[in-house]
């Protein structure tokens, strides 16, 4: 059965576009059914419209944020965090659309605890393949934990580190935490600045995400068959 995927994003969506194209080309045994974005002016909305037209897809892109689903009076929302209503709205649409796997691709919000409990990492889990929410991070962990976007590469350059890279990991309640599924080193060249290095990291990310997510899907299926006593 084809895995139904939802992507959470906040920006231009170039990584999401590359992944959707890979799915459409049959490189991943999955289909992207839904994109959820928290910024009304994000470029990913136009990208999804074009992808649907060019590839004859039916990906829905929706806006869910603290403006569409504000905090209630007296609610404390941590910086960068989701409101309770925002989190509940995402949970509902994921359940209504029977989403199997949630992928964070440049989603600049901290995932709420209910979402993590339902799809991400739980402390009682014995295997990362029990989880259903992954994040792609443009750096190697834990060295660049808590950094985002080009700031990851600024850290790598400022610290004169020989490598940066890209990491795919299970989403946990803390930023850039959770078991690592795959990572890919990208060597820093003498001529690199943060922007040029970020371009090469993003190219690596686009290259390996379809491979790594397909491997995760297959490993998860094998794990579930094993624990359920079914033939792998």
N, C-alpha and C. Protein backbone atom coordinates (compact mmCIF):
# COMPACT_ATOMS: atom_id res chain seq x y z
N UNK A 1 0.84 -1.19 0.00
CA UNK A 1 0.00 0.00 0.00
C UNK A 1 0.88 1.25 0.00
N UNK A 2 0.55 2.20 -0.84
CA UNK A 2 1.35 3.41 -0.96
C UNK A 2 1.22 4.27 0.29
N UNK A 3 2.35 4.74 0.79
CA UNK A 3 2.39 5.58 1.97
C UNK A 3 1.90 6.98 1.64
N UNK A 4 0.96 7.50 2.43
CA UNK A 4 0.46 8.86 2.25
C UNK A 4 1.25 9.81 3.15
N UNK A 5 1.79 10.84 2.52
CA UNK A 5 2.71 11.75 3.21
C UNK A 5 2.12 13.16 3.29
N UNK A 6 2.36 13.80 4.43
CA UNK A 6 2.10 15.23 4.59
C UNK A 6 3.44 15.92 4.86
N UNK A 7 3.64 17.06 4.21
CA UNK A 7 4.85 17.85 4.40
C UNK A 7 4.49 19.12 5.17
N UNK A 8 5.28 19.42 6.20
CA UNK A 8 5.17 20.69 6.93
C UNK A 8 6.34 21.57 6.52
N UNK A 9 6.06 22.79 6.07
CA UNK A 9 7.09 23.68 5.57
C UNK A 9 6.76 25.12 5.94
N UNK A 10 7.76 25.99 5.78
CA UNK A 10 7.57 27.40 6.13
C UNK A 10 8.03 28.37 5.06
N UNK A 11 8.75 27.89 4.04
CA UNK A 11 9.39 28.83 3.12
C UNK A 11 9.11 28.59 1.66
N UNK A 12 10.17 28.66 0.87
CA UNK A 12 10.05 28.56 -0.58
C UNK A 12 9.64 27.17 -1.05
N UNK A 13 10.04 26.15 -0.31
CA UNK A 13 9.61 24.81 -0.65
C UNK A 13 10.42 24.11 -1.73
N UNK A 14 11.68 24.51 -1.92
CA UNK A 14 12.48 23.86 -2.96
C UNK A 14 12.76 22.40 -2.62
N UNK A 15 13.00 22.12 -1.34
CA UNK A 15 13.23 20.73 -0.93
C UNK A 15 11.95 19.92 -1.08
N UNK A 16 10.82 20.50 -0.67
CA UNK A 16 9.55 19.81 -0.83
C UNK A 16 9.25 19.53 -2.29
N UNK A 17 9.52 20.50 -3.16
CA UNK A 17 9.29 20.29 -4.59
C UNK A 17 10.12 19.14 -5.13
N UNK A 18 11.40 19.12 -4.77
CA UNK A 18 12.27 18.03 -5.24
C UNK A 18 11.76 16.68 -4.77
N UNK A 19 11.28 16.63 -3.53
CA UNK A 19 10.78 15.36 -3.00
C UNK A 19 9.47 14.95 -3.67
N UNK A 20 8.58 15.90 -3.88
CA UNK A 20 7.31 15.58 -4.55
C UNK A 20 7.58 15.06 -5.96
N UNK A 21 8.52 15.67 -6.65
CA UNK A 21 8.88 15.20 -7.99
C UNK A 21 9.45 13.79 -7.95
N UNK A 22 10.25 13.50 -6.92
CA UNK A 22 10.83 12.16 -6.78
C UNK A 22 9.73 11.13 -6.54
N UNK A 23 8.74 11.48 -5.73
CA UNK A 23 7.61 10.57 -5.50
C UNK A 23 6.83 10.34 -6.79
N UNK A 24 6.58 11.42 -7.53
CA UNK A 24 5.83 11.32 -8.77
C UNK A 24 6.58 10.49 -9.80
N UNK A 25 7.90 10.49 -9.73
CA UNK A 25 8.72 9.72 -10.66
C UNK A 25 8.89 8.27 -10.24
N UNK A 26 8.31 7.89 -9.09
CA UNK A 26 8.39 6.52 -8.64
C UNK A 26 9.63 6.17 -7.86
N UNK A 27 10.41 7.18 -7.45
CA UNK A 27 11.62 6.91 -6.68
C UNK A 27 11.30 6.57 -5.23
N UNK A 28 10.13 6.95 -4.77
CA UNK A 28 9.68 6.66 -3.41
C UNK A 28 8.29 6.03 -3.51
N UNK A 29 8.09 4.95 -2.75
CA UNK A 29 6.79 4.27 -2.76
C UNK A 29 5.82 5.03 -1.86
N UNK A 30 5.51 6.26 -2.28
CA UNK A 30 4.69 7.14 -1.46
C UNK A 30 4.10 8.22 -2.34
N UNK A 31 3.05 8.86 -1.84
CA UNK A 31 2.50 10.03 -2.52
C UNK A 31 2.32 11.15 -1.50
N UNK A 32 2.69 12.34 -1.91
CA UNK A 32 2.48 13.51 -1.05
C UNK A 32 1.05 13.98 -1.26
N UNK A 33 0.26 13.89 -0.21
CA UNK A 33 -1.16 14.22 -0.28
C UNK A 33 -1.44 15.64 0.20
N UNK A 34 -0.56 16.16 1.06
CA UNK A 34 -0.87 17.40 1.76
C UNK A 34 0.39 18.16 2.10
N UNK A 35 0.31 19.48 1.97
CA UNK A 35 1.36 20.39 2.46
C UNK A 35 0.72 21.35 3.44
N UNK A 36 1.29 21.46 4.62
CA UNK A 36 0.83 22.41 5.63
C UNK A 36 1.93 23.45 5.83
N UNK A 37 1.56 24.72 5.69
CA UNK A 37 2.54 25.80 5.83
C UNK A 37 2.03 26.79 6.86
N UNK A 38 2.95 27.42 7.59
CA UNK A 38 2.55 28.37 8.63
C UNK A 38 2.77 29.82 8.22
N UNK A 39 3.17 30.06 6.96
CA UNK A 39 3.38 31.43 6.49
C UNK A 39 2.53 31.67 5.25
N UNK A 40 1.67 32.69 5.33
CA UNK A 40 0.71 32.93 4.25
C UNK A 40 1.39 33.31 2.94
N UNK A 41 2.56 33.97 3.01
CA UNK A 41 3.22 34.43 1.80
C UNK A 41 4.35 33.51 1.36
N UNK A 42 4.41 32.29 1.88
CA UNK A 42 5.49 31.36 1.54
C UNK A 42 5.40 30.93 0.08
N UNK A 43 6.54 30.79 -0.55
CA UNK A 43 6.59 30.41 -1.95
C UNK A 43 6.09 29.01 -2.23
N UNK A 44 6.02 28.17 -1.21
CA UNK A 44 5.62 26.79 -1.43
C UNK A 44 4.19 26.69 -1.97
N UNK A 45 3.34 27.66 -1.69
CA UNK A 45 1.96 27.61 -2.19
C UNK A 45 1.94 27.65 -3.72
N UNK A 46 2.71 28.57 -4.31
CA UNK A 46 2.79 28.64 -5.77
C UNK A 46 3.46 27.41 -6.35
N UNK A 47 4.43 26.87 -5.65
CA UNK A 47 5.11 25.66 -6.13
C UNK A 47 4.13 24.48 -6.21
N UNK A 48 3.29 24.34 -5.21
CA UNK A 48 2.33 23.24 -5.21
C UNK A 48 1.33 23.39 -6.37
N UNK A 49 0.88 24.62 -6.62
CA UNK A 49 -0.02 24.85 -7.75
C UNK A 49 0.63 24.42 -9.06
N UNK A 50 1.90 24.80 -9.24
CA UNK A 50 2.61 24.45 -10.47
C UNK A 50 2.86 22.95 -10.57
N UNK A 51 3.22 22.33 -9.46
CA UNK A 51 3.44 20.88 -9.46
C UNK A 51 2.16 20.14 -9.81
N UNK A 52 1.06 20.56 -9.23
CA UNK A 52 -0.22 19.91 -9.55
C UNK A 52 -0.53 20.02 -11.04
N UNK A 53 -0.24 21.18 -11.62
CA UNK A 53 -0.50 21.39 -13.05
C UNK A 53 0.45 20.58 -13.92
N UNK A 54 1.74 20.67 -13.61
CA UNK A 54 2.75 20.04 -14.45
C UNK A 54 2.73 18.51 -14.38
N UNK A 55 2.45 17.98 -13.19
CA UNK A 55 2.56 16.54 -12.97
C UNK A 55 1.20 15.87 -12.78
N UNK A 56 0.14 16.61 -12.98
CA UNK A 56 -1.22 16.08 -12.83
C UNK A 56 -1.42 15.48 -11.45
N UNK A 57 -1.04 16.25 -10.43
CA UNK A 57 -1.17 15.81 -9.04
C UNK A 57 -2.36 16.51 -8.40
N UNK A 58 -2.66 16.12 -7.18
CA UNK A 58 -3.76 16.75 -6.44
C UNK A 58 -3.32 17.02 -5.01
N UNK A 59 -2.11 17.57 -4.86
CA UNK A 59 -1.60 17.92 -3.54
C UNK A 59 -2.34 19.15 -3.03
N UNK A 60 -2.86 19.07 -1.81
CA UNK A 60 -3.53 20.22 -1.22
C UNK A 60 -2.54 20.96 -0.33
N UNK A 61 -2.51 22.28 -0.45
CA UNK A 61 -1.65 23.10 0.40
C UNK A 61 -2.53 24.00 1.25
N UNK A 62 -2.36 23.94 2.56
CA UNK A 62 -3.21 24.72 3.46
C UNK A 62 -2.37 25.51 4.45
N UNK A 63 -2.95 26.61 4.91
CA UNK A 63 -2.30 27.49 5.88
C UNK A 63 -2.85 27.20 7.27
N UNK A 64 -1.96 26.85 8.18
CA UNK A 64 -2.33 26.70 9.59
C UNK A 64 -1.25 27.39 10.42
N UNK A 65 -1.65 28.41 11.16
CA UNK A 65 -0.67 29.11 12.00
C UNK A 65 -1.38 29.76 13.19
N UNK A 66 -0.65 30.58 13.90
CA UNK A 66 -1.23 31.20 15.10
C UNK A 66 -2.21 32.32 14.77
N UNK A 67 -2.27 32.73 13.49
CA UNK A 67 -3.27 33.70 13.07
C UNK A 67 -4.57 33.00 12.72
N UNK A 68 -4.48 31.88 12.01
CA UNK A 68 -5.69 31.14 11.66
C UNK A 68 -6.26 30.40 12.86
N UNK A 69 -5.38 30.07 13.82
CA UNK A 69 -5.79 29.33 15.01
C UNK A 69 -5.09 29.94 16.23
N UNK A 70 -5.59 31.09 16.68
CA UNK A 70 -4.90 31.83 17.76
C UNK A 70 -5.01 31.16 19.12
N UNK A 71 -4.13 31.60 19.99
CA UNK A 71 -4.15 31.13 21.38
C UNK A 71 -5.39 31.66 22.09
N UNK A 72 -5.86 30.90 23.05
CA UNK A 72 -6.99 31.35 23.85
C UNK A 72 -6.47 32.27 24.97
N UNK A 73 -7.36 33.00 25.55
CA UNK A 73 -6.98 33.92 26.63
C UNK A 73 -6.30 33.15 27.77
N UNK A 74 -5.14 33.63 28.17
CA UNK A 74 -4.40 33.01 29.26
C UNK A 74 -3.45 31.91 28.84
N UNK A 75 -3.51 31.52 27.57
CA UNK A 75 -2.62 30.44 27.10
C UNK A 75 -1.20 30.98 26.95
N UNK A 76 -0.23 30.23 27.43
CA UNK A 76 1.17 30.59 27.30
C UNK A 76 1.76 29.83 26.12
N UNK A 77 2.25 30.57 25.13
CA UNK A 77 2.84 29.96 23.94
C UNK A 77 4.34 30.27 23.94
N UNK A 78 5.15 29.24 23.98
CA UNK A 78 6.59 29.43 23.96
C UNK A 78 7.03 30.03 22.62
N UNK A 79 8.12 30.76 22.63
CA UNK A 79 8.64 31.36 21.40
C UNK A 79 8.90 30.26 20.35
N UNK A 80 8.33 30.47 19.18
CA UNK A 80 8.50 29.50 18.10
C UNK A 80 7.57 28.31 18.20
N UNK A 81 6.75 28.27 19.24
CA UNK A 81 5.88 27.12 19.45
C UNK A 81 4.53 27.28 18.78
N UNK A 82 3.79 26.20 18.72
CA UNK A 82 2.45 26.20 18.16
C UNK A 82 1.44 26.53 19.26
N UNK A 83 0.36 27.21 18.88
CA UNK A 83 -0.75 27.36 19.81
C UNK A 83 -1.46 26.00 19.93
N UNK A 84 -2.23 25.84 21.00
CA UNK A 84 -2.97 24.59 21.15
C UNK A 84 -3.95 24.39 20.00
N UNK A 85 -4.61 25.47 19.57
CA UNK A 85 -5.57 25.37 18.48
C UNK A 85 -4.87 25.02 17.17
N UNK A 86 -3.68 25.58 16.96
CA UNK A 86 -2.88 25.28 15.76
C UNK A 86 -2.51 23.80 15.73
N UNK A 87 -2.05 23.32 16.87
CA UNK A 87 -1.66 21.91 16.98
C UNK A 87 -2.86 21.00 16.74
N UNK A 88 -3.99 21.32 17.34
CA UNK A 88 -5.19 20.50 17.18
C UNK A 88 -5.67 20.51 15.73
N UNK A 89 -5.56 21.65 15.05
CA UNK A 89 -5.97 21.73 13.65
C UNK A 89 -5.11 20.84 12.77
N UNK A 90 -3.81 20.82 13.04
CA UNK A 90 -2.91 19.96 12.27
C UNK A 90 -3.23 18.49 12.55
N UNK A 91 -3.42 18.15 13.82
CA UNK A 91 -3.78 16.78 14.17
C UNK A 91 -5.05 16.33 13.44
N UNK A 92 -6.03 17.21 13.38
CA UNK A 92 -7.30 16.84 12.76
C UNK A 92 -7.15 16.60 11.27
N UNK A 93 -6.45 17.49 10.58
CA UNK A 93 -6.33 17.32 9.14
C UNK A 93 -5.48 16.09 8.80
N UNK A 94 -4.48 15.80 9.61
CA UNK A 94 -3.67 14.59 9.38
C UNK A 94 -4.52 13.34 9.56
N UNK A 95 -5.35 13.34 10.60
CA UNK A 95 -6.21 12.18 10.84
C UNK A 95 -7.29 12.06 9.77
N UNK A 96 -7.90 13.19 9.39
CA UNK A 96 -8.97 13.16 8.40
C UNK A 96 -8.48 12.64 7.05
N UNK A 97 -7.22 12.92 6.73
CA UNK A 97 -6.67 12.51 5.44
C UNK A 97 -5.90 11.20 5.54
N UNK A 98 -5.93 10.57 6.72
CA UNK A 98 -5.29 9.26 6.92
C UNK A 98 -3.81 9.28 6.50
N UNK A 99 -3.10 10.29 7.02
CA UNK A 99 -1.68 10.45 6.69
C UNK A 99 -0.86 9.39 7.44
N UNK A 100 0.04 8.74 6.71
CA UNK A 100 0.89 7.70 7.29
C UNK A 100 2.21 8.24 7.82
N UNK A 101 2.74 9.27 7.16
CA UNK A 101 4.08 9.76 7.50
C UNK A 101 4.11 11.27 7.33
N UNK A 102 4.65 11.96 8.33
CA UNK A 102 4.75 13.43 8.31
C UNK A 102 6.22 13.80 8.17
N UNK A 103 6.50 14.69 7.21
CA UNK A 103 7.88 15.12 6.96
C UNK A 103 8.00 16.62 7.16
N UNK A 104 8.96 17.03 8.00
CA UNK A 104 9.24 18.45 8.20
C UNK A 104 10.37 18.83 7.25
N UNK A 105 10.07 19.79 6.35
CA UNK A 105 11.06 20.25 5.37
C UNK A 105 11.14 21.77 5.46
N UNK A 106 12.00 22.25 6.36
CA UNK A 106 12.11 23.69 6.56
C UNK A 106 10.93 24.26 7.31
N UNK A 107 10.38 23.49 8.24
CA UNK A 107 9.25 23.95 9.04
C UNK A 107 9.80 24.62 10.29
N UNK A 108 9.59 25.94 10.40
CA UNK A 108 10.23 26.72 11.46
C UNK A 108 9.30 26.95 12.64
N UNK A 109 8.68 25.88 13.09
CA UNK A 109 7.85 25.91 14.29
C UNK A 109 8.24 24.72 15.16
N UNK A 110 8.15 24.91 16.44
CA UNK A 110 8.38 23.81 17.37
C UNK A 110 7.12 22.96 17.45
N UNK A 111 7.26 21.68 17.19
CA UNK A 111 6.11 20.79 17.15
C UNK A 111 5.56 20.60 18.57
N UNK A 112 4.24 20.72 18.70
CA UNK A 112 3.60 20.60 20.00
C UNK A 112 3.63 19.17 20.54
N UNK A 113 3.45 19.03 21.85
CA UNK A 113 3.60 17.71 22.50
C UNK A 113 2.57 16.68 22.04
N UNK A 114 1.35 17.12 21.72
CA UNK A 114 0.35 16.16 21.26
C UNK A 114 0.72 15.60 19.89
N UNK A 115 1.22 16.47 19.02
CA UNK A 115 1.66 16.02 17.70
C UNK A 115 2.84 15.07 17.82
N UNK A 116 3.78 15.41 18.68
CA UNK A 116 4.93 14.53 18.89
C UNK A 116 4.47 13.17 19.42
N UNK A 117 3.56 13.20 20.38
CA UNK A 117 3.08 11.94 20.96
C UNK A 117 2.40 11.07 19.90
N UNK A 118 1.65 11.69 19.01
CA UNK A 118 0.90 10.92 18.02
C UNK A 118 1.79 10.42 16.88
N UNK A 119 2.76 11.26 16.43
CA UNK A 119 3.52 10.92 15.23
C UNK A 119 5.03 10.82 15.45
N UNK A 120 5.55 11.47 16.49
CA UNK A 120 6.99 11.52 16.66
C UNK A 120 7.53 10.52 17.66
N UNK A 121 8.61 10.93 18.33
CA UNK A 121 9.34 10.05 19.22
C UNK A 121 8.74 10.05 20.62
N UNK A 122 8.56 8.86 21.17
CA UNK A 122 8.16 8.70 22.56
C UNK A 122 9.28 7.98 23.31
N UNK A 123 9.47 8.34 24.55
CA UNK A 123 10.56 7.74 25.33
C UNK A 123 10.40 6.24 25.51
N UNK A 124 9.16 5.77 25.43
CA UNK A 124 8.95 4.33 25.61
C UNK A 124 9.20 3.52 24.34
N UNK A 125 9.41 4.20 23.23
CA UNK A 125 9.65 3.47 21.98
C UNK A 125 10.98 2.71 22.05
N UNK A 126 10.99 1.57 21.40
CA UNK A 126 12.20 0.74 21.33
C UNK A 126 12.91 0.90 20.00
N UNK A 127 12.23 1.45 19.01
CA UNK A 127 12.80 1.58 17.67
C UNK A 127 12.34 2.89 17.04
N UNK A 128 13.21 3.53 16.26
CA UNK A 128 12.78 4.74 15.55
C UNK A 128 11.68 4.46 14.54
N UNK A 129 11.54 3.20 14.14
CA UNK A 129 10.55 2.84 13.13
C UNK A 129 9.14 2.73 13.71
N UNK A 130 9.01 3.00 14.99
CA UNK A 130 7.67 3.14 15.58
C UNK A 130 7.12 4.54 15.35
N UNK A 131 7.99 5.49 15.00
CA UNK A 131 7.59 6.88 14.80
C UNK A 131 7.13 7.11 13.37
N UNK A 132 6.40 8.23 13.18
CA UNK A 132 5.87 8.55 11.86
C UNK A 132 6.07 10.03 11.51
N UNK A 133 7.08 10.64 12.11
CA UNK A 133 7.36 12.05 11.82
C UNK A 133 8.87 12.25 11.77
N UNK A 134 9.35 12.75 10.62
CA UNK A 134 10.78 12.95 10.40
C UNK A 134 11.06 14.40 10.05
N UNK A 135 12.25 14.84 10.40
CA UNK A 135 12.71 16.19 10.07
C UNK A 135 14.03 16.11 9.31
N UNK A 136 14.16 16.94 8.27
CA UNK A 136 15.45 17.07 7.62
C UNK A 136 16.12 18.35 8.12
N UNK A 137 17.34 18.19 8.62
CA UNK A 137 18.08 19.29 9.23
C UNK A 137 19.35 19.54 8.42
N UNK A 138 19.64 20.81 8.04
CA UNK A 138 20.79 21.09 7.17
C UNK A 138 22.11 21.19 7.92
N UNK A 139 22.37 20.21 8.76
CA UNK A 139 23.61 20.18 9.51
C UNK A 139 23.79 18.81 10.14
N UNK A 140 24.96 18.59 10.71
CA UNK A 140 25.23 17.34 11.43
C UNK A 140 24.89 17.55 12.90
N UNK A 141 24.28 16.55 13.49
CA UNK A 141 23.84 16.63 14.88
C UNK A 141 24.72 15.76 15.77
N UNK A 142 24.94 16.15 17.02
CA UNK A 142 24.31 17.30 17.71
C UNK A 142 25.03 18.63 17.55
N UNK A 143 26.09 18.69 16.74
CA UNK A 143 26.90 19.90 16.64
C UNK A 143 26.07 21.13 16.31
N UNK A 144 25.10 21.00 15.42
CA UNK A 144 24.34 22.18 14.98
C UNK A 144 22.91 22.17 15.52
N UNK A 145 22.69 21.49 16.61
CA UNK A 145 21.35 21.45 17.21
C UNK A 145 20.90 22.86 17.60
N UNK A 146 19.68 23.21 17.23
CA UNK A 146 19.12 24.50 17.58
C UNK A 146 19.35 25.59 16.54
N UNK A 147 20.25 25.35 15.58
CA UNK A 147 20.46 26.31 14.51
C UNK A 147 19.52 25.98 13.35
N UNK A 148 19.21 26.97 12.51
CA UNK A 148 18.33 26.73 11.38
C UNK A 148 18.82 27.52 10.16
N UNK A 149 18.45 26.99 8.97
CA UNK A 149 18.77 27.68 7.73
C UNK A 149 20.25 27.94 7.56
N UNK A 150 20.55 29.11 7.00
CA UNK A 150 21.93 29.47 6.73
C UNK A 150 22.74 29.64 8.01
N UNK A 151 22.05 29.83 9.15
CA UNK A 151 22.76 29.98 10.42
C UNK A 151 23.51 28.70 10.80
N UNK A 152 23.02 27.56 10.33
CA UNK A 152 23.74 26.30 10.53
C UNK A 152 25.11 26.40 9.86
N UNK A 153 25.10 26.89 8.63
CA UNK A 153 26.36 26.94 7.87
C UNK A 153 27.28 28.03 8.39
N UNK A 154 26.71 29.12 8.90
CA UNK A 154 27.53 30.15 9.53
C UNK A 154 28.28 29.57 10.72
N UNK A 155 27.60 28.72 11.49
CA UNK A 155 28.25 28.07 12.63
C UNK A 155 29.39 27.17 12.16
N UNK A 156 29.15 26.40 11.11
CA UNK A 156 30.18 25.50 10.59
C UNK A 156 31.40 26.29 10.12
N UNK A 157 31.17 27.39 9.39
CA UNK A 157 32.27 28.21 8.87
C UNK A 157 32.99 28.91 10.01
N UNK A 158 32.24 29.50 10.94
CA UNK A 158 32.85 30.25 12.05
C UNK A 158 33.70 29.35 12.93
N UNK A 159 33.30 28.09 13.08
CA UNK A 159 34.04 27.15 13.92
C UNK A 159 35.15 26.42 13.15
N UNK A 160 35.28 26.75 11.86
CA UNK A 160 36.29 26.11 11.00
C UNK A 160 36.17 24.59 11.02
N UNK A 161 34.94 24.11 11.01
CA UNK A 161 34.72 22.67 11.00
C UNK A 161 35.01 22.10 9.61
N UNK A 162 35.57 20.91 9.53
CA UNK A 162 35.91 20.35 8.21
C UNK A 162 34.69 19.89 7.43
N UNK A 163 33.61 19.57 8.14
CA UNK A 163 32.41 19.05 7.50
C UNK A 163 31.16 19.72 8.04
N UNK A 164 30.19 19.88 7.18
CA UNK A 164 28.81 20.10 7.57
C UNK A 164 28.05 18.92 7.01
N UNK A 165 26.77 19.12 6.76
CA UNK A 165 26.03 18.02 6.16
C UNK A 165 24.54 18.14 6.35
N UNK A 166 23.87 17.03 6.17
CA UNK A 166 22.41 16.96 6.28
C UNK A 166 22.05 15.74 7.12
N UNK A 167 21.06 15.91 7.98
CA UNK A 167 20.63 14.83 8.87
C UNK A 167 19.13 14.64 8.77
N UNK A 168 18.71 13.39 8.67
CA UNK A 168 17.29 13.03 8.73
C UNK A 168 17.08 12.35 10.08
N UNK A 169 16.16 12.87 10.88
CA UNK A 169 15.96 12.30 12.21
C UNK A 169 14.48 12.30 12.58
N UNK A 170 14.14 11.46 13.55
CA UNK A 170 12.79 11.42 14.08
C UNK A 170 12.54 12.68 14.90
N UNK A 171 11.35 13.24 14.79
CA UNK A 171 11.01 14.46 15.53
C UNK A 171 10.70 14.12 16.98
N UNK A 172 11.32 14.87 17.89
CA UNK A 172 11.04 14.76 19.32
C UNK A 172 10.60 16.14 19.82
N UNK A 173 10.29 16.26 21.10
CA UNK A 173 9.79 17.53 21.62
C UNK A 173 10.85 18.62 21.60
N UNK A 174 12.13 18.28 21.76
CA UNK A 174 13.19 19.27 21.71
C UNK A 174 13.61 19.50 20.25
N UNK A 175 14.09 20.72 19.96
CA UNK A 175 14.55 21.03 18.63
C UNK A 175 15.68 20.08 18.21
N UNK A 176 15.57 19.57 16.97
CA UNK A 176 16.65 18.78 16.36
C UNK A 176 17.09 17.62 17.25
N UNK A 177 16.12 17.02 17.93
CA UNK A 177 16.39 15.88 18.79
C UNK A 177 15.70 14.66 18.17
N UNK A 178 15.82 13.51 18.82
CA UNK A 178 15.20 12.30 18.28
C UNK A 178 16.22 11.46 17.53
N UNK A 179 15.98 10.16 17.41
CA UNK A 179 16.93 9.25 16.78
C UNK A 179 17.27 9.66 15.34
N UNK A 180 18.54 9.52 15.01
CA UNK A 180 19.01 9.84 13.66
C UNK A 180 18.75 8.65 12.73
N UNK A 181 18.15 8.94 11.59
CA UNK A 181 17.86 7.92 10.58
C UNK A 181 18.98 7.84 9.56
N UNK A 182 19.48 8.99 9.12
CA UNK A 182 20.57 9.03 8.13
C UNK A 182 21.26 10.37 8.22
N UNK A 183 22.55 10.40 7.88
CA UNK A 183 23.26 11.68 7.79
C UNK A 183 24.28 11.59 6.67
N UNK A 184 24.57 12.75 6.08
CA UNK A 184 25.47 12.82 4.93
C UNK A 184 26.42 14.00 5.12
N UNK A 185 27.70 13.70 5.17
CA UNK A 185 28.70 14.74 5.35
C UNK A 185 28.95 15.48 4.04
N UNK A 186 29.16 16.79 4.16
CA UNK A 186 29.55 17.62 3.03
C UNK A 186 30.81 18.36 3.44
N UNK A 187 31.93 18.12 2.76
CA UNK A 187 33.17 18.79 3.16
C UNK A 187 33.13 20.29 2.87
N UNK A 188 33.73 21.05 3.77
CA UNK A 188 33.85 22.50 3.58
C UNK A 188 35.05 22.78 2.68
N UNK A 189 34.83 23.54 1.62
CA UNK A 189 35.91 23.93 0.71
C UNK A 189 36.53 25.24 1.18
N UNK A 190 37.83 25.45 0.88
CA UNK A 190 38.49 26.69 1.33
C UNK A 190 37.79 27.96 0.85
N UNK A 191 37.14 27.90 -0.29
CA UNK A 191 36.50 29.08 -0.85
C UNK A 191 35.08 29.30 -0.33
N UNK A 192 34.58 28.40 0.50
CA UNK A 192 33.19 28.47 0.93
C UNK A 192 32.92 29.64 1.86
N UNK A 193 31.79 30.30 1.65
CA UNK A 193 31.18 31.12 2.68
C UNK A 193 29.89 30.42 3.07
N UNK A 194 29.14 31.00 4.00
CA UNK A 194 27.96 30.31 4.50
C UNK A 194 26.94 30.04 3.39
N UNK A 195 26.76 31.00 2.49
CA UNK A 195 25.76 30.86 1.43
C UNK A 195 26.15 29.78 0.43
N UNK A 196 27.40 29.80 -0.01
CA UNK A 196 27.83 28.81 -1.00
C UNK A 196 27.82 27.40 -0.40
N UNK A 197 28.19 27.31 0.87
CA UNK A 197 28.18 26.00 1.52
C UNK A 197 26.74 25.51 1.71
N UNK A 198 25.84 26.43 2.05
CA UNK A 198 24.44 26.07 2.22
C UNK A 198 23.86 25.53 0.91
N UNK A 199 24.26 26.12 -0.21
CA UNK A 199 23.79 25.64 -1.51
C UNK A 199 24.18 24.18 -1.73
N UNK A 200 25.40 23.83 -1.34
CA UNK A 200 25.86 22.45 -1.54
C UNK A 200 25.20 21.49 -0.56
N UNK A 201 24.94 21.96 0.66
CA UNK A 201 24.21 21.13 1.62
C UNK A 201 22.79 20.86 1.12
N UNK A 202 22.13 21.89 0.59
CA UNK A 202 20.77 21.72 0.08
C UNK A 202 20.75 20.77 -1.12
N UNK A 203 21.77 20.83 -1.96
CA UNK A 203 21.85 19.90 -3.09
C UNK A 203 21.99 18.46 -2.59
N UNK A 204 22.79 18.26 -1.55
CA UNK A 204 22.94 16.94 -0.94
C UNK A 204 21.62 16.47 -0.34
N UNK A 205 20.93 17.37 0.33
CA UNK A 205 19.63 17.06 0.93
C UNK A 205 18.64 16.57 -0.14
N UNK A 206 18.54 17.31 -1.23
CA UNK A 206 17.61 16.93 -2.30
C UNK A 206 17.99 15.60 -2.92
N UNK A 207 19.28 15.33 -3.00
CA UNK A 207 19.75 14.07 -3.60
C UNK A 207 19.39 12.86 -2.74
N UNK A 208 19.57 12.99 -1.43
CA UNK A 208 19.45 11.82 -0.57
C UNK A 208 18.09 11.64 0.10
N UNK A 209 17.29 12.69 0.22
CA UNK A 209 16.02 12.53 0.91
C UNK A 209 15.14 11.43 0.32
N UNK A 210 14.95 11.37 -1.00
CA UNK A 210 14.12 10.29 -1.52
C UNK A 210 14.66 8.90 -1.17
N UNK A 211 15.97 8.74 -1.24
CA UNK A 211 16.60 7.45 -0.91
C UNK A 211 16.39 7.11 0.55
N UNK A 212 16.64 8.08 1.42
CA UNK A 212 16.58 7.82 2.86
C UNK A 212 15.14 7.61 3.33
N UNK A 213 14.21 8.34 2.76
CA UNK A 213 12.82 8.18 3.18
C UNK A 213 12.24 6.88 2.64
N UNK A 214 12.63 6.51 1.42
CA UNK A 214 12.21 5.19 0.92
C UNK A 214 12.76 4.08 1.81
N UNK A 215 14.02 4.21 2.24
CA UNK A 215 14.61 3.20 3.13
C UNK A 215 13.87 3.17 4.47
N UNK A 216 13.47 4.35 4.97
CA UNK A 216 12.73 4.40 6.23
C UNK A 216 11.37 3.71 6.09
N UNK A 217 10.69 3.97 5.01
CA UNK A 217 9.38 3.35 4.77
C UNK A 217 9.50 1.82 4.76
N UNK A 218 10.49 1.32 4.04
CA UNK A 218 10.68 -0.13 3.96
C UNK A 218 11.08 -0.71 5.31
N UNK A 219 11.96 -0.03 6.04
CA UNK A 219 12.40 -0.52 7.35
C UNK A 219 11.24 -0.49 8.35
N UNK A 220 10.41 0.53 8.26
CA UNK A 220 9.25 0.60 9.15
C UNK A 220 8.28 -0.55 8.85
N UNK A 221 8.04 -0.81 7.58
CA UNK A 221 7.16 -1.92 7.21
C UNK A 221 7.71 -3.25 7.74
N UNK A 222 9.01 -3.45 7.59
CA UNK A 222 9.64 -4.68 8.07
C UNK A 222 9.53 -4.78 9.59
N UNK A 223 9.77 -3.67 10.29
CA UNK A 223 9.67 -3.67 11.75
C UNK A 223 8.27 -4.04 12.20
N UNK A 224 7.27 -3.41 11.61
CA UNK A 224 5.89 -3.66 12.01
C UNK A 224 5.48 -5.10 11.71
N UNK A 225 5.92 -5.63 10.59
CA UNK A 225 5.63 -7.03 10.27
C UNK A 225 6.28 -7.97 11.28
N UNK A 226 7.48 -7.63 11.70
CA UNK A 226 8.21 -8.46 12.65
C UNK A 226 7.54 -8.46 14.01
N UNK A 227 7.20 -7.29 14.52
CA UNK A 227 6.61 -7.22 15.86
C UNK A 227 5.18 -7.77 15.86
N UNK A 228 4.54 -7.74 14.72
CA UNK A 228 3.19 -8.28 14.63
C UNK A 228 3.16 -9.77 14.28
N UNK A 229 4.36 -10.35 14.14
CA UNK A 229 4.46 -11.77 13.85
C UNK A 229 4.11 -12.16 12.43
N UNK A 230 4.18 -11.18 11.52
CA UNK A 230 3.89 -11.46 10.12
C UNK A 230 5.19 -11.72 9.38
N UNK A 231 5.15 -12.44 8.27
CA UNK A 231 6.36 -12.65 7.47
C UNK A 231 6.85 -11.35 6.87
N UNK A 232 8.16 -11.12 6.94
CA UNK A 232 8.72 -9.87 6.42
C UNK A 232 8.79 -9.91 4.91
